[in-house]
N, C-alpha and C. Protein backbone atom coordinates (compact mmCIF):
# COMPACT_ATOMS: atom_id res chain seq x y z
N MET A 1 -8.48 43.97 -20.03
CA MET A 1 -7.65 42.83 -19.65
C MET A 1 -6.57 42.96 -18.24
N ASN A 2 -6.34 44.12 -18.12
CA ASN A 2 -5.81 44.46 -16.74
C ASN A 2 -6.58 44.21 -15.57
N ALA A 3 -7.87 44.46 -15.73
CA ALA A 3 -8.78 44.15 -14.75
C ALA A 3 -8.77 42.75 -14.48
N LYS A 4 -8.80 41.77 -15.62
CA LYS A 4 -8.87 40.29 -15.32
C LYS A 4 -7.46 39.96 -14.75
N LEU A 5 -6.30 40.65 -14.96
CA LEU A 5 -4.96 40.03 -14.36
C LEU A 5 -5.03 40.48 -13.05
N VAL A 6 -5.62 41.72 -12.37
CA VAL A 6 -5.71 42.18 -11.03
C VAL A 6 -6.62 41.32 -10.45
N LEU A 7 -7.64 40.88 -10.90
CA LEU A 7 -9.00 39.95 -10.46
C LEU A 7 -8.35 38.48 -10.08
N LYS A 8 -7.24 37.97 -11.10
CA LYS A 8 -6.56 36.71 -10.81
C LYS A 8 -5.61 36.75 -9.49
N ASN A 9 -4.94 38.04 -9.71
CA ASN A 9 -4.10 38.11 -8.71
C ASN A 9 -4.70 38.28 -7.14
N VAL A 10 -5.58 39.04 -7.14
CA VAL A 10 -6.27 39.01 -5.82
C VAL A 10 -7.00 37.67 -5.69
N PHE A 11 -7.48 37.08 -6.45
CA PHE A 11 -8.07 35.41 -6.01
C PHE A 11 -6.96 34.86 -5.63
N PHE A 12 -5.69 34.69 -6.35
CA PHE A 12 -4.57 33.78 -5.74
C PHE A 12 -4.11 34.36 -4.58
N VAL A 13 -4.13 35.49 -4.24
CA VAL A 13 -3.63 36.04 -3.04
C VAL A 13 -4.48 35.73 -2.11
N THR A 14 -5.75 35.93 -2.10
CA THR A 14 -6.76 35.48 -1.15
C THR A 14 -6.48 33.83 -0.90
N ILE A 15 -6.71 33.01 -1.83
CA ILE A 15 -6.27 31.68 -1.59
C ILE A 15 -5.23 31.55 -1.01
N GLY A 16 -4.27 32.03 -1.35
CA GLY A 16 -3.05 31.73 -0.77
C GLY A 16 -2.86 32.09 0.54
N GLY A 17 -3.51 33.14 1.13
CA GLY A 17 -3.47 33.65 2.30
C GLY A 17 -4.54 32.59 3.23
N ALA A 18 -5.80 32.22 2.71
CA ALA A 18 -6.40 31.23 3.19
C ALA A 18 -5.74 30.00 3.86
N PHE A 19 -4.77 29.52 2.80
CA PHE A 19 -4.03 28.29 2.91
C PHE A 19 -2.95 28.86 4.43
N ALA A 20 -2.36 29.74 4.16
CA ALA A 20 -1.53 30.33 5.08
C ALA A 20 -2.06 30.35 6.48
N LEU A 21 -3.18 30.70 6.54
CA LEU A 21 -3.75 30.97 7.73
C LEU A 21 -4.42 29.60 8.44
N THR A 22 -4.83 28.42 7.61
CA THR A 22 -5.05 27.42 8.28
C THR A 22 -3.94 26.54 8.47
N ALA A 23 -2.69 26.67 7.63
CA ALA A 23 -1.43 26.01 7.92
C ALA A 23 -0.95 26.65 9.38
N TRP A 24 -1.18 28.08 9.49
CA TRP A 24 -0.61 28.61 10.66
C TRP A 24 -1.47 28.00 12.04
N ALA A 25 -2.60 28.03 11.67
CA ALA A 25 -3.30 27.50 12.94
C ALA A 25 -3.48 25.88 13.11
N GLN A 26 -2.38 25.36 13.22
CA GLN A 26 -2.31 23.83 13.49
C GLN A 26 -1.57 23.45 14.64
N TRP A 27 -1.87 22.17 15.13
CA TRP A 27 -1.08 21.76 16.25
C TRP A 27 -0.11 20.94 15.66
N GLN A 28 0.84 20.87 16.28
CA GLN A 28 2.01 19.97 16.39
C GLN A 28 2.51 19.46 17.31
N TRP A 29 2.76 17.97 17.17
CA TRP A 29 3.09 17.22 18.33
C TRP A 29 3.88 15.89 17.96
N ILE A 30 4.68 15.37 18.96
CA ILE A 30 5.32 13.86 18.64
C ILE A 30 4.57 13.02 19.51
N ASP A 31 4.06 12.21 18.50
CA ASP A 31 3.12 10.83 18.94
C ASP A 31 4.13 9.75 19.86
N LYS A 32 3.32 8.96 20.35
CA LYS A 32 3.67 7.83 21.09
C LYS A 32 5.02 7.24 20.46
N ASP A 33 4.90 6.81 19.00
CA ASP A 33 5.80 6.23 18.25
C ASP A 33 6.89 7.50 17.69
N GLY A 34 7.07 8.55 18.07
CA GLY A 34 8.17 9.29 17.88
C GLY A 34 8.04 10.04 16.58
N ARG A 35 6.88 10.00 15.76
CA ARG A 35 6.58 10.91 14.77
C ARG A 35 6.04 12.13 14.94
N LYS A 36 6.30 13.17 14.12
CA LYS A 36 5.61 14.32 14.02
C LYS A 36 4.42 14.49 13.26
N VAL A 37 3.45 14.92 14.30
CA VAL A 37 1.89 15.05 13.75
C VAL A 37 1.76 16.40 13.60
N PHE A 38 0.73 16.81 12.44
CA PHE A 38 0.54 18.02 12.35
C PHE A 38 -1.12 17.81 12.26
N SER A 39 -1.90 18.72 12.66
CA SER A 39 -3.37 18.33 12.94
C SER A 39 -4.14 19.86 13.04
N ASP A 40 -5.30 19.92 12.79
CA ASP A 40 -6.00 21.13 12.93
C ASP A 40 -6.87 20.97 14.37
N ARG A 41 -6.77 19.71 15.02
CA ARG A 41 -7.38 19.20 16.33
C ARG A 41 -6.27 19.17 17.37
N SER A 42 -6.84 19.47 18.43
CA SER A 42 -5.74 19.43 19.55
C SER A 42 -5.26 17.86 19.81
N PRO A 43 -4.07 17.61 20.29
CA PRO A 43 -3.55 16.16 20.47
C PRO A 43 -4.50 15.35 21.51
N PRO A 44 -4.42 14.10 21.50
CA PRO A 44 -4.93 13.39 22.26
C PRO A 44 -4.60 13.49 23.91
N ALA A 45 -5.17 13.04 24.88
CA ALA A 45 -4.88 13.60 26.18
C ALA A 45 -3.43 12.82 26.62
N GLU A 46 -3.04 11.60 25.84
CA GLU A 46 -2.08 10.84 26.49
C GLU A 46 -0.86 11.37 25.88
N ILE A 47 -0.87 12.45 25.21
CA ILE A 47 0.46 13.30 24.68
C ILE A 47 0.83 14.09 25.53
N GLN A 48 1.63 14.00 26.05
CA GLN A 48 2.55 14.79 27.25
C GLN A 48 2.93 16.08 26.59
N GLU A 49 3.08 16.97 27.72
CA GLU A 49 3.08 18.69 27.31
C GLU A 49 4.12 18.80 26.64
N GLU A 50 5.37 18.28 26.96
CA GLU A 50 6.57 18.63 26.15
C GLU A 50 6.53 17.91 24.94
N ASN A 51 5.82 17.05 24.44
CA ASN A 51 5.57 16.62 23.32
C ASN A 51 5.05 17.49 22.23
N ILE A 52 4.10 18.47 22.87
CA ILE A 52 3.20 19.38 22.14
C ILE A 52 4.46 20.70 21.25
N LEU A 53 4.56 20.63 20.19
CA LEU A 53 5.44 21.51 19.58
C LEU A 53 4.90 22.97 19.19
N LYS A 54 3.46 22.92 18.88
CA LYS A 54 3.00 24.18 18.23
C LYS A 54 1.71 23.98 18.60
N ARG A 55 0.97 25.22 18.90
CA ARG A 55 -0.20 25.13 19.16
C ARG A 55 -1.16 26.47 18.19
N PRO A 56 -2.26 26.42 17.96
CA PRO A 56 -2.58 27.43 17.21
C PRO A 56 -2.56 28.73 17.75
N GLY A 57 -2.38 29.66 17.01
CA GLY A 57 -2.04 31.21 17.76
C GLY A 57 -0.65 31.22 18.49
N ASN A 58 0.16 30.02 18.67
CA ASN A 58 1.38 30.13 19.31
C ASN A 58 2.35 30.01 17.92
N HIS A 59 2.92 31.03 17.57
CA HIS A 59 3.81 31.14 16.45
C HIS A 59 4.99 30.91 16.71
N GLN A 60 5.36 30.68 17.91
CA GLN A 60 6.74 30.18 18.30
C GLN A 60 6.59 28.75 18.65
N LEU A 61 7.80 28.01 17.83
CA LEU A 61 7.89 26.50 18.19
C LEU A 61 8.44 26.45 19.63
N VAL A 62 8.75 25.11 20.25
CA VAL A 62 9.42 24.79 21.40
C VAL A 62 10.75 25.09 20.76
N PRO A 63 11.60 25.34 22.41
CA PRO A 63 12.99 25.41 22.15
C PRO A 63 13.63 24.57 21.03
N VAL A 64 14.79 25.02 20.74
CA VAL A 64 15.53 24.33 19.68
C VAL A 64 15.82 22.88 20.39
N SER A 65 16.38 22.82 21.39
CA SER A 65 16.78 21.88 22.17
C SER A 65 15.85 20.99 21.95
N ALA A 66 14.81 21.13 22.58
CA ALA A 66 13.48 20.12 22.58
C ALA A 66 13.09 19.51 21.64
N SER A 67 12.83 20.59 20.41
CA SER A 67 12.41 20.17 19.16
C SER A 67 13.64 19.52 18.49
N ALA A 68 14.72 19.67 18.60
CA ALA A 68 15.97 18.62 18.01
C ALA A 68 15.78 17.24 18.76
N ALA A 69 15.69 17.38 20.03
CA ALA A 69 15.55 16.07 20.56
C ALA A 69 14.53 14.98 19.95
N ALA A 70 13.38 15.72 19.84
CA ALA A 70 11.82 15.20 19.65
C ALA A 70 12.33 14.69 18.09
N LEU A 71 13.00 15.37 17.21
CA LEU A 71 13.12 15.29 15.90
C LEU A 71 14.32 14.26 15.71
N SER A 72 15.22 14.22 16.35
CA SER A 72 16.14 13.00 16.27
C SER A 72 15.54 11.81 16.91
N LYS A 73 14.83 11.78 17.76
CA LYS A 73 13.86 10.64 18.46
C LYS A 73 13.04 10.20 17.25
N ALA A 74 12.42 11.18 16.52
CA ALA A 74 11.44 10.89 15.32
C ALA A 74 12.16 10.15 14.14
N SER A 75 13.49 10.73 13.75
CA SER A 75 14.11 10.51 12.86
C SER A 75 15.15 8.85 13.01
N ALA A 76 15.03 8.50 14.43
CA ALA A 76 16.11 7.55 14.61
C ALA A 76 15.21 6.01 14.15
N PRO A 77 16.24 5.29 13.58
CA PRO A 77 15.70 4.25 12.84
C PRO A 77 15.00 3.27 14.12
N ARG A 78 13.91 2.63 13.71
CA ARG A 78 13.05 1.85 14.52
C ARG A 78 13.69 0.40 14.53
N LEU A 79 13.61 -0.17 15.62
CA LEU A 79 14.28 -1.63 15.70
C LEU A 79 12.60 -2.11 15.88
N SER A 80 12.37 -3.08 15.04
CA SER A 80 11.28 -4.05 15.65
C SER A 80 11.53 -4.99 16.44
N GLY A 81 12.70 -5.53 16.78
CA GLY A 81 12.70 -6.49 17.96
C GLY A 81 12.89 -7.87 17.13
N LYS A 82 12.67 -7.86 15.71
CA LYS A 82 12.72 -9.18 14.99
C LYS A 82 13.83 -9.19 14.13
N ASP A 83 14.50 -10.39 14.28
CA ASP A 83 15.56 -10.70 13.29
C ASP A 83 15.21 -11.38 12.09
N ALA A 84 15.35 -10.52 10.82
CA ALA A 84 14.87 -11.21 9.66
C ALA A 84 15.34 -12.32 9.34
N GLN A 85 16.70 -12.74 9.43
CA GLN A 85 17.15 -14.17 9.32
C GLN A 85 16.46 -15.06 10.09
N LEU A 86 16.28 -14.75 11.30
CA LEU A 86 15.49 -15.63 12.54
C LEU A 86 14.27 -16.10 11.87
N GLU A 87 13.66 -14.80 11.56
CA GLU A 87 11.93 -15.20 11.09
C GLU A 87 11.97 -16.06 9.82
N ALA A 88 13.26 -15.63 8.91
CA ALA A 88 13.00 -16.68 7.68
C ALA A 88 13.44 -18.03 7.70
N ARG A 89 14.07 -18.36 8.92
CA ARG A 89 14.68 -19.67 9.36
C ARG A 89 13.42 -20.25 9.97
N LYS A 90 12.73 -19.49 10.88
CA LYS A 90 11.83 -20.21 11.55
C LYS A 90 10.33 -20.33 10.41
N LYS A 91 10.16 -19.68 9.61
CA LYS A 91 9.21 -19.85 8.42
C LYS A 91 9.50 -21.03 7.81
N GLN A 92 10.95 -21.21 7.40
CA GLN A 92 11.39 -22.33 6.61
C GLN A 92 11.06 -23.80 7.51
N ALA A 93 11.64 -23.74 8.61
CA ALA A 93 11.47 -24.78 9.54
C ALA A 93 9.76 -25.21 9.68
N GLU A 94 9.05 -24.09 9.79
CA GLU A 94 7.50 -24.57 9.84
C GLU A 94 6.97 -25.20 8.59
N GLU A 95 7.43 -24.49 7.29
CA GLU A 95 7.31 -25.06 6.01
C GLU A 95 7.48 -26.56 5.95
N GLU A 96 8.87 -26.84 6.41
CA GLU A 96 9.31 -28.18 6.33
C GLU A 96 8.49 -29.06 7.44
N ASP A 97 8.20 -28.58 8.37
CA ASP A 97 7.32 -29.38 9.19
C ASP A 97 5.97 -29.94 8.78
N ALA A 98 5.30 -28.71 8.11
CA ALA A 98 3.93 -28.88 7.24
C ALA A 98 4.44 -30.06 6.23
N ALA A 99 5.24 -29.93 5.44
CA ALA A 99 5.65 -31.03 4.45
C ALA A 99 5.82 -32.29 4.91
N LYS A 100 6.50 -32.45 6.09
CA LYS A 100 6.58 -33.70 6.70
C LYS A 100 5.26 -34.19 7.18
N LYS A 101 4.46 -33.19 7.73
CA LYS A 101 3.04 -33.85 8.24
C LYS A 101 2.21 -34.14 6.93
N LYS A 102 2.28 -33.41 5.91
CA LYS A 102 1.44 -33.67 4.88
C LYS A 102 1.97 -35.08 4.16
N ALA A 103 3.30 -35.42 4.10
CA ALA A 103 3.76 -36.88 3.62
C ALA A 103 3.49 -37.64 4.76
N GLU A 104 3.50 -37.68 5.86
CA GLU A 104 3.15 -38.78 6.81
C GLU A 104 1.67 -38.88 6.81
N ALA A 105 0.84 -38.04 6.45
CA ALA A 105 -0.63 -38.05 6.54
C ALA A 105 -0.78 -38.86 5.14
N GLY A 106 -0.22 -38.65 3.88
CA GLY A 106 -0.38 -39.46 3.03
C GLY A 106 0.03 -40.73 2.76
N LYS A 107 1.30 -41.12 3.62
CA LYS A 107 1.39 -42.55 4.01
C LYS A 107 0.24 -43.26 4.81
N ILE A 108 -0.27 -42.36 5.71
CA ILE A 108 -1.23 -43.13 6.45
C ILE A 108 -2.33 -43.25 5.61
N GLU A 109 -2.65 -42.63 4.92
CA GLU A 109 -4.07 -42.74 4.05
C GLU A 109 -3.59 -44.00 3.01
N LYS A 110 -2.70 -43.87 2.59
CA LYS A 110 -2.21 -45.38 1.57
C LYS A 110 -2.58 -46.39 2.25
N ALA A 111 -1.84 -46.58 3.51
CA ALA A 111 -1.97 -47.74 4.27
C ALA A 111 -3.43 -48.07 4.87
N ARG A 112 -4.27 -47.08 4.85
CA ARG A 112 -5.65 -47.16 5.35
C ARG A 112 -6.09 -47.92 4.00
N ALA A 113 -5.89 -47.23 2.89
CA ALA A 113 -6.50 -47.74 1.64
C ALA A 113 -6.13 -49.10 1.32
N ASP A 114 -4.91 -49.52 1.82
CA ASP A 114 -4.42 -50.80 1.36
C ASP A 114 -5.23 -51.84 2.45
N ASN A 115 -5.29 -51.60 3.57
CA ASN A 115 -5.96 -52.23 4.86
C ASN A 115 -7.59 -52.50 4.30
N CYS A 116 -8.22 -51.19 3.68
CA CYS A 116 -9.47 -51.55 3.27
C CYS A 116 -9.73 -52.48 2.14
N GLU A 117 -8.62 -52.32 1.17
CA GLU A 117 -8.87 -53.25 -0.11
C GLU A 117 -8.75 -54.67 0.42
N ARG A 118 -7.75 -55.06 1.32
CA ARG A 118 -7.57 -56.44 1.90
C ARG A 118 -8.77 -57.06 2.67
N ALA A 119 -9.37 -55.83 3.60
CA ALA A 119 -10.59 -56.25 4.49
C ALA A 119 -11.56 -56.66 3.61
N ARG A 120 -11.78 -55.97 2.44
CA ARG A 120 -13.21 -56.30 1.58
C ARG A 120 -12.76 -57.38 0.79
N LYS A 121 -11.66 -57.61 0.29
CA LYS A 121 -11.31 -59.05 -0.63
C LYS A 121 -11.50 -60.07 0.54
N GLY A 122 -10.92 -60.01 1.54
CA GLY A 122 -11.27 -61.03 2.74
C GLY A 122 -12.68 -61.37 3.32
N LEU A 123 -13.51 -60.17 3.34
CA LEU A 123 -14.87 -60.41 3.57
C LEU A 123 -15.67 -61.19 2.43
N ALA A 124 -15.39 -60.75 1.21
CA ALA A 124 -15.61 -61.36 0.06
C ALA A 124 -15.69 -62.90 0.09
N SER A 125 -14.27 -63.21 0.20
CA SER A 125 -13.92 -64.61 0.41
C SER A 125 -14.77 -65.42 1.50
N PHE A 126 -14.98 -64.75 2.63
CA PHE A 126 -15.52 -65.41 3.86
C PHE A 126 -17.19 -65.65 3.59
N GLN A 127 -17.84 -64.62 2.80
CA GLN A 127 -19.16 -64.37 2.59
C GLN A 127 -19.62 -65.17 1.33
N SER A 128 -18.42 -65.89 0.62
CA SER A 128 -18.99 -66.34 -0.57
C SER A 128 -19.40 -67.75 -0.06
N GLY A 129 -18.86 -68.57 1.14
CA GLY A 129 -19.29 -69.41 1.70
C GLY A 129 -18.29 -70.66 0.98
N VAL A 130 -17.15 -70.38 0.43
CA VAL A 130 -15.91 -71.43 0.08
C VAL A 130 -15.27 -71.95 1.41
N ARG A 131 -15.07 -72.86 1.48
CA ARG A 131 -14.07 -73.41 2.68
C ARG A 131 -12.76 -72.77 2.72
N ILE A 132 -12.41 -72.22 3.90
CA ILE A 132 -11.02 -71.75 4.12
C ILE A 132 -10.06 -72.45 5.02
N ALA A 133 -8.84 -72.80 4.51
CA ALA A 133 -7.83 -73.53 5.37
C ALA A 133 -6.91 -72.38 5.84
N VAL A 134 -6.75 -72.85 7.22
CA VAL A 134 -5.75 -71.90 7.91
C VAL A 134 -4.65 -73.02 8.34
N THR A 135 -3.23 -72.48 8.60
CA THR A 135 -1.96 -73.20 9.18
C THR A 135 -2.23 -73.10 10.76
N ASN A 136 -2.22 -74.29 11.42
CA ASN A 136 -1.91 -74.37 12.94
C ASN A 136 -0.74 -74.05 13.50
N ALA A 137 -0.65 -74.08 14.76
CA ALA A 137 0.87 -74.01 15.24
C ALA A 137 1.80 -75.09 15.09
N LYS A 138 1.17 -76.27 14.73
CA LYS A 138 2.18 -77.37 14.18
C LYS A 138 2.63 -77.50 12.82
N GLY A 139 2.18 -76.34 11.87
CA GLY A 139 2.15 -76.30 10.39
C GLY A 139 1.16 -77.16 9.77
N GLU A 140 0.30 -77.51 10.19
CA GLU A 140 -0.68 -78.56 9.59
C GLU A 140 -1.90 -77.57 9.18
N ARG A 141 -2.50 -78.06 8.13
CA ARG A 141 -3.72 -77.41 7.49
C ARG A 141 -4.99 -77.48 8.20
N GLU A 142 -5.53 -76.74 8.68
CA GLU A 142 -7.10 -76.98 9.31
C GLU A 142 -8.04 -76.21 8.59
N ILE A 143 -9.42 -76.58 8.41
CA ILE A 143 -10.34 -75.80 7.90
C ILE A 143 -11.13 -75.33 9.04
N MET A 144 -11.46 -73.94 8.78
CA MET A 144 -12.04 -73.31 9.58
C MET A 144 -13.34 -73.50 9.75
N ASP A 145 -14.04 -73.48 11.28
CA ASP A 145 -15.24 -73.94 11.50
C ASP A 145 -16.09 -73.08 11.51
N ASP A 146 -17.46 -73.04 11.85
CA ASP A 146 -18.07 -71.80 11.85
C ASP A 146 -18.02 -70.88 12.70
N ASN A 147 -17.59 -71.18 14.14
CA ASN A 147 -17.29 -70.14 14.98
C ASN A 147 -16.07 -69.16 14.56
N ALA A 148 -14.80 -69.85 14.14
CA ALA A 148 -13.75 -69.22 13.78
C ALA A 148 -13.87 -68.27 12.58
N ARG A 149 -15.06 -68.65 11.65
CA ARG A 149 -15.03 -68.09 10.49
C ARG A 149 -16.08 -66.98 10.66
N ALA A 150 -16.88 -67.00 11.85
CA ALA A 150 -17.65 -65.77 12.26
C ALA A 150 -16.94 -64.72 13.00
N LEU A 151 -15.71 -65.38 13.88
CA LEU A 151 -14.84 -64.28 14.43
C LEU A 151 -14.03 -63.44 13.49
N GLU A 152 -13.33 -64.31 12.39
CA GLU A 152 -12.55 -63.52 11.45
C GLU A 152 -13.56 -62.74 10.58
N THR A 153 -14.84 -62.96 10.23
CA THR A 153 -15.74 -62.18 9.42
C THR A 153 -15.97 -60.79 10.32
N LYS A 154 -16.15 -60.88 11.34
CA LYS A 154 -16.59 -59.79 12.26
C LYS A 154 -15.29 -58.74 12.57
N ARG A 155 -13.84 -59.55 12.70
CA ARG A 155 -12.96 -58.72 12.69
C ARG A 155 -12.53 -58.14 11.25
N LEU A 156 -12.68 -58.66 10.23
CA LEU A 156 -12.71 -57.95 9.11
C LEU A 156 -13.78 -56.79 8.62
N GLN A 157 -15.11 -56.95 9.13
CA GLN A 157 -15.94 -56.12 9.10
C GLN A 157 -15.30 -54.78 9.97
N GLY A 158 -14.93 -55.06 11.17
CA GLY A 158 -14.17 -54.07 12.02
C GLY A 158 -13.10 -53.13 11.25
N ILE A 159 -12.27 -53.84 10.48
CA ILE A 159 -11.43 -53.18 10.00
C ILE A 159 -11.85 -52.31 8.55
N ALA A 160 -12.65 -53.14 7.95
CA ALA A 160 -13.21 -52.27 6.73
C ALA A 160 -14.42 -51.04 7.18
N GLY A 161 -14.92 -51.13 8.37
CA GLY A 161 -15.49 -49.96 8.91
C GLY A 161 -14.42 -49.01 9.29
N SER A 162 -13.51 -49.43 9.96
CA SER A 162 -12.40 -48.09 10.45
C SER A 162 -11.72 -47.29 9.09
N ASP A 163 -11.43 -48.29 8.38
CA ASP A 163 -10.24 -47.99 7.38
C ASP A 163 -11.07 -47.47 5.93
N CYS A 164 -12.30 -48.23 5.76
CA CYS A 164 -13.00 -47.76 4.33
C CYS A 164 -13.89 -46.59 4.59
N THR A 165 -13.52 -45.36 4.28
CA THR A 165 -14.54 -44.33 4.75
C THR A 165 -14.96 -43.70 3.31
């Protein structure tokens, strides 16, 4: 039983030592966003030398003043450049604009449907062959002749063609 306990201890010490060695052989640097990065690979080429805090085999970190400055830069609150209230008002204005456009489109669609219905009824009247009377400038009733009837039929067909889809 003691042999098993000794074997377990040796196993855990070996595993613990392996983790310590891998953790010890890491790079540390401050990235372009001010965050501290830990890696087993070297930092990208754009990372400046003063932002590299630790190298593998280098057991000493950068002097306290440089690392403190880097840490304070990393822990400083980040300003996004956006005002939350302004963004909310902008979003609300966009939603109101979209609602107005939708309402306007609904009104236009309703007007087109009404125009289509009137044009179809008018065409049905003209195509039925019934005599149609109109009022002239003097207020007198006149019966439409064939030319006027053809012009009005053509006009109503144009309206039906554009509004009835």
